[in-house]
Amino acid sequence: MPPLIVDAAEDDLPGILAIYNHVIAASTAVYSEETVTLDDRRSWFQGRLAQGYPVLVARDESGVLGFASFGDFRAWPCYRHTVEHSVHVRENQRGRGIGTALVQALLGRARDRGKHVIVAGIDADNSVSLRLHARLGFDQVGRFREVGRKFDRWLDLVFLQRRLAAP
């Protein structure tokens, strides 16, 4: 049975936290070396909701399988029609289409909010995420070389975008 994709609730925050901290510790999907606390995730969650932005979770009887959200791309007013998203899936659940389902749900939410473009910033070595986004109609629009450093190596950041509505 496919996982249920729903709006996250406060009760989902421990599951979101576990996924996020594992991503920080074990991968370059997040350019951070410091894990976060439950209070940090709670503040992030409340901030997203206060801005009217979704936080979605995929869940089944075992708990949170993955989560996704979007937020402002940049702070200046003329960027208000563009959002940047993130999606993370629990390590033992990857390859089951959960990331795809979460991003597809975000695309609809962004479109419903009148957004014109959704952006993804992905580590250049994350071929799985790059392929997922390409399958969903995202185009690579830039590559920033050696802008991050983690695990004693320089990291390239690839930017992709997808237009949500005709101009």
Protein backbone atom coordinates (compact mmCIF):
# COMPACT_ATOMS: atom_id res chain seq x y z
CA MET A 1 0.00 0.00 0.00
CA PRO A 2 1.42 3.44 -0.90
CA PRO A 3 2.25 5.73 2.01
CA LEU A 4 -0.15 8.42 3.03
CA ILE A 5 1.02 11.97 2.16
CA VAL A 6 -0.48 14.45 4.62
CA ASP A 7 0.18 17.75 6.30
CA ALA A 8 2.64 17.23 9.13
CA ALA A 9 1.56 17.63 12.73
CA GLU A 10 3.57 18.39 15.86
CA ASP A 11 3.53 14.64 16.62
CA ASP A 12 5.52 14.05 13.42
CA LEU A 13 8.43 16.24 14.52
CA PRO A 14 10.45 13.46 16.23
CA GLY A 15 10.30 11.41 13.01
CA ILE A 16 11.21 14.44 10.90
CA LEU A 17 14.08 15.20 13.29
CA ALA A 18 15.46 11.66 13.09
CA ILE A 19 15.45 11.73 9.28
CA TYR A 20 16.97 15.22 9.09
CA ASN A 21 19.74 14.49 11.59
CA HIS A 22 20.63 11.27 9.79
CA VAL A 23 20.86 13.18 6.50
CA ILE A 24 23.16 15.75 8.15
CA ALA A 25 25.39 13.09 9.70
CA ALA A 26 25.62 10.68 6.78
CA SER A 27 25.32 12.65 3.55
CA THR A 28 25.93 15.88 1.69
CA ALA A 29 22.23 16.42 1.00
CA VAL A 30 22.27 19.15 3.68
CA TYR A 31 25.31 21.43 3.81
CA SER A 32 25.52 21.40 7.58
CA GLU A 33 27.68 19.46 10.01
CA GLU A 34 25.65 20.20 13.13
CA THR A 35 22.62 18.13 13.99
CA VAL A 36 19.56 19.98 15.24
CA THR A 37 17.33 19.64 18.27
CA LEU A 38 13.63 19.00 18.53
CA ASP A 39 13.19 22.65 19.52
CA ASP A 40 14.99 23.70 16.32
CA ARG A 41 12.66 21.55 14.21
CA ARG A 42 9.64 22.85 16.10
CA SER A 43 10.70 26.44 15.39
CA TRP A 44 11.27 25.60 11.71
CA PHE A 45 7.86 23.88 11.52
CA GLN A 46 6.01 26.76 13.18
CA GLY A 47 7.82 29.25 10.94
CA ARG A 48 6.78 27.42 7.80
CA LEU A 49 3.17 27.26 8.92
CA ALA A 50 3.16 30.95 9.93
CA GLN A 51 4.29 31.82 6.40
CA GLY A 52 1.52 29.68 4.93
CA TYR A 53 3.95 27.10 3.59
CA PRO A 54 3.31 23.36 3.78
CA VAL A 55 5.24 20.73 5.65
CA LEU A 56 4.22 17.34 4.32
CA VAL A 57 5.01 13.87 5.61
CA ALA A 58 4.75 10.44 4.10
CA ARG A 59 3.72 7.98 6.75
CA ASP A 60 2.60 4.45 7.29
CA GLU A 61 2.09 2.28 10.36
CA SER A 62 5.85 2.46 11.10
CA GLY A 63 5.80 6.26 11.34
CA VAL A 64 7.27 9.08 9.27
CA LEU A 65 8.89 7.76 6.08
CA GLY A 66 9.87 11.13 4.65
CA PHE A 67 9.06 14.82 4.68
CA ALA A 68 9.08 17.78 2.33
CA SER A 69 8.47 21.50 2.44
CA PHE A 70 9.12 24.69 0.59
CA GLY A 71 9.89 28.22 1.63
CA ASP A 72 10.95 31.54 0.22
CA PHE A 73 13.62 31.32 -2.45
CA ARG A 74 15.03 34.74 -1.58
CA ALA A 75 13.85 37.46 0.76
CA TRP A 76 13.25 40.32 -1.68
CA PRO A 77 9.63 40.99 -2.71
CA CYS A 78 10.04 40.37 -6.43
CA TYR A 79 10.96 36.74 -5.70
CA ARG A 80 7.60 36.12 -4.03
CA HIS A 81 6.42 33.89 -6.89
CA THR A 82 9.37 31.49 -6.49
CA VAL A 83 9.91 28.92 -3.72
CA GLU A 84 12.73 26.52 -2.91
CA HIS A 85 11.89 23.06 -1.68
CA SER A 86 13.54 20.24 0.19
CA VAL A 87 12.64 16.58 0.46
CA HIS A 88 14.18 13.88 2.65
CA VAL A 89 13.31 10.19 2.97
CA ARG A 90 14.18 7.80 5.77
CA GLU A 91 17.23 5.77 4.76
CA ASN A 92 15.51 2.37 4.89
CA GLN A 93 12.60 3.64 2.75
CA ARG A 94 14.50 5.10 -0.20
CA GLY A 95 13.84 3.79 -3.69
CA ARG A 96 10.13 3.20 -3.08
CA GLY A 97 8.79 6.36 -4.77
CA ILE A 98 8.26 8.26 -1.52
CA GLY A 99 10.44 11.20 -2.57
CA THR A 100 8.63 11.40 -5.88
CA ALA A 101 5.22 11.38 -4.19
CA LEU A 102 6.29 14.09 -1.75
CA VAL A 103 7.67 16.37 -4.48
CA GLN A 104 4.56 15.84 -6.62
CA ALA A 105 2.40 16.86 -3.67
CA LEU A 106 4.56 19.96 -3.16
CA LEU A 107 4.18 20.93 -6.82
CA GLY A 108 0.41 20.99 -6.39
CA ARG A 109 0.64 22.98 -3.17
CA ALA A 110 2.96 25.54 -4.77
CA ARG A 111 0.67 25.86 -7.79
CA ASP A 112 -2.36 26.29 -5.50
CA ARG A 113 -0.55 29.16 -3.73
CA GLY A 114 0.02 30.94 -7.03
CA LYS A 115 3.73 30.20 -7.22
CA HIS A 116 5.32 30.36 -10.64
CA VAL A 117 8.64 28.54 -10.16
CA ILE A 118 9.94 25.95 -7.71
CA VAL A 119 13.68 25.60 -7.20
CA ALA A 120 15.85 22.76 -5.90
CA GLY A 121 19.44 23.05 -4.69
CA ILE A 122 21.05 19.58 -4.85
CA ASP A 123 24.57 18.38 -4.16
CA ALA A 124 26.16 17.56 -7.52
CA ASP A 125 27.06 14.03 -6.37
CA ASN A 126 23.45 13.22 -5.39
CA SER A 127 22.61 11.44 -8.63
CA VAL A 128 19.45 9.86 -7.19
CA SER A 129 17.91 13.23 -6.34
CA LEU A 130 19.05 14.76 -9.62
CA ARG A 131 17.35 11.94 -11.56
CA LEU A 132 14.19 12.18 -9.46
CA HIS A 133 13.90 15.90 -10.19
CA ALA A 134 14.66 15.45 -13.90
CA ARG A 135 11.84 12.85 -14.11
CA LEU A 136 9.51 15.43 -12.55
CA GLY A 137 10.31 18.07 -15.16
CA PHE A 138 13.01 20.07 -13.38
CA ASP A 139 15.76 21.56 -15.56
CA GLN A 140 19.31 22.16 -14.41
CA VAL A 141 19.96 25.90 -14.54
CA GLY A 142 23.26 26.31 -12.73
CA ARG A 143 26.19 24.74 -10.97
CA PHE A 144 28.14 26.46 -8.24
CA ARG A 145 31.56 24.85 -7.97
CA GLU A 146 33.15 24.21 -4.58
CA VAL A 147 30.70 26.39 -2.61
CA GLY A 148 30.38 23.93 0.27
CA ARG A 149 32.80 21.88 2.29
CA LYS A 150 31.87 18.76 4.23
CA PHE A 151 33.59 15.45 5.02
CA ASP A 152 36.95 17.09 4.12
CA ARG A 153 36.02 17.74 0.51
CA TRP A 154 34.67 20.56 -1.61
CA LEU A 155 31.07 20.27 -2.78
CA ASP A 156 29.37 21.55 -5.91
CA LEU A 157 25.77 22.71 -5.66
CA VAL A 158 23.44 22.23 -8.63
CA PHE A 159 20.35 24.37 -9.01
CA LEU A 160 17.29 23.08 -10.82
CA GLN A 161 13.95 24.72 -11.46
CA ARG A 162 10.52 23.85 -12.69
CA ARG A 163 7.98 26.32 -13.99
CA LEU A 164 4.58 25.60 -12.46
CA ALA A 165 2.33 27.61 -14.73
CA ALA A 166 2.47 29.19 -18.15
CA PRO A 167 3.65 32.82 -18.10
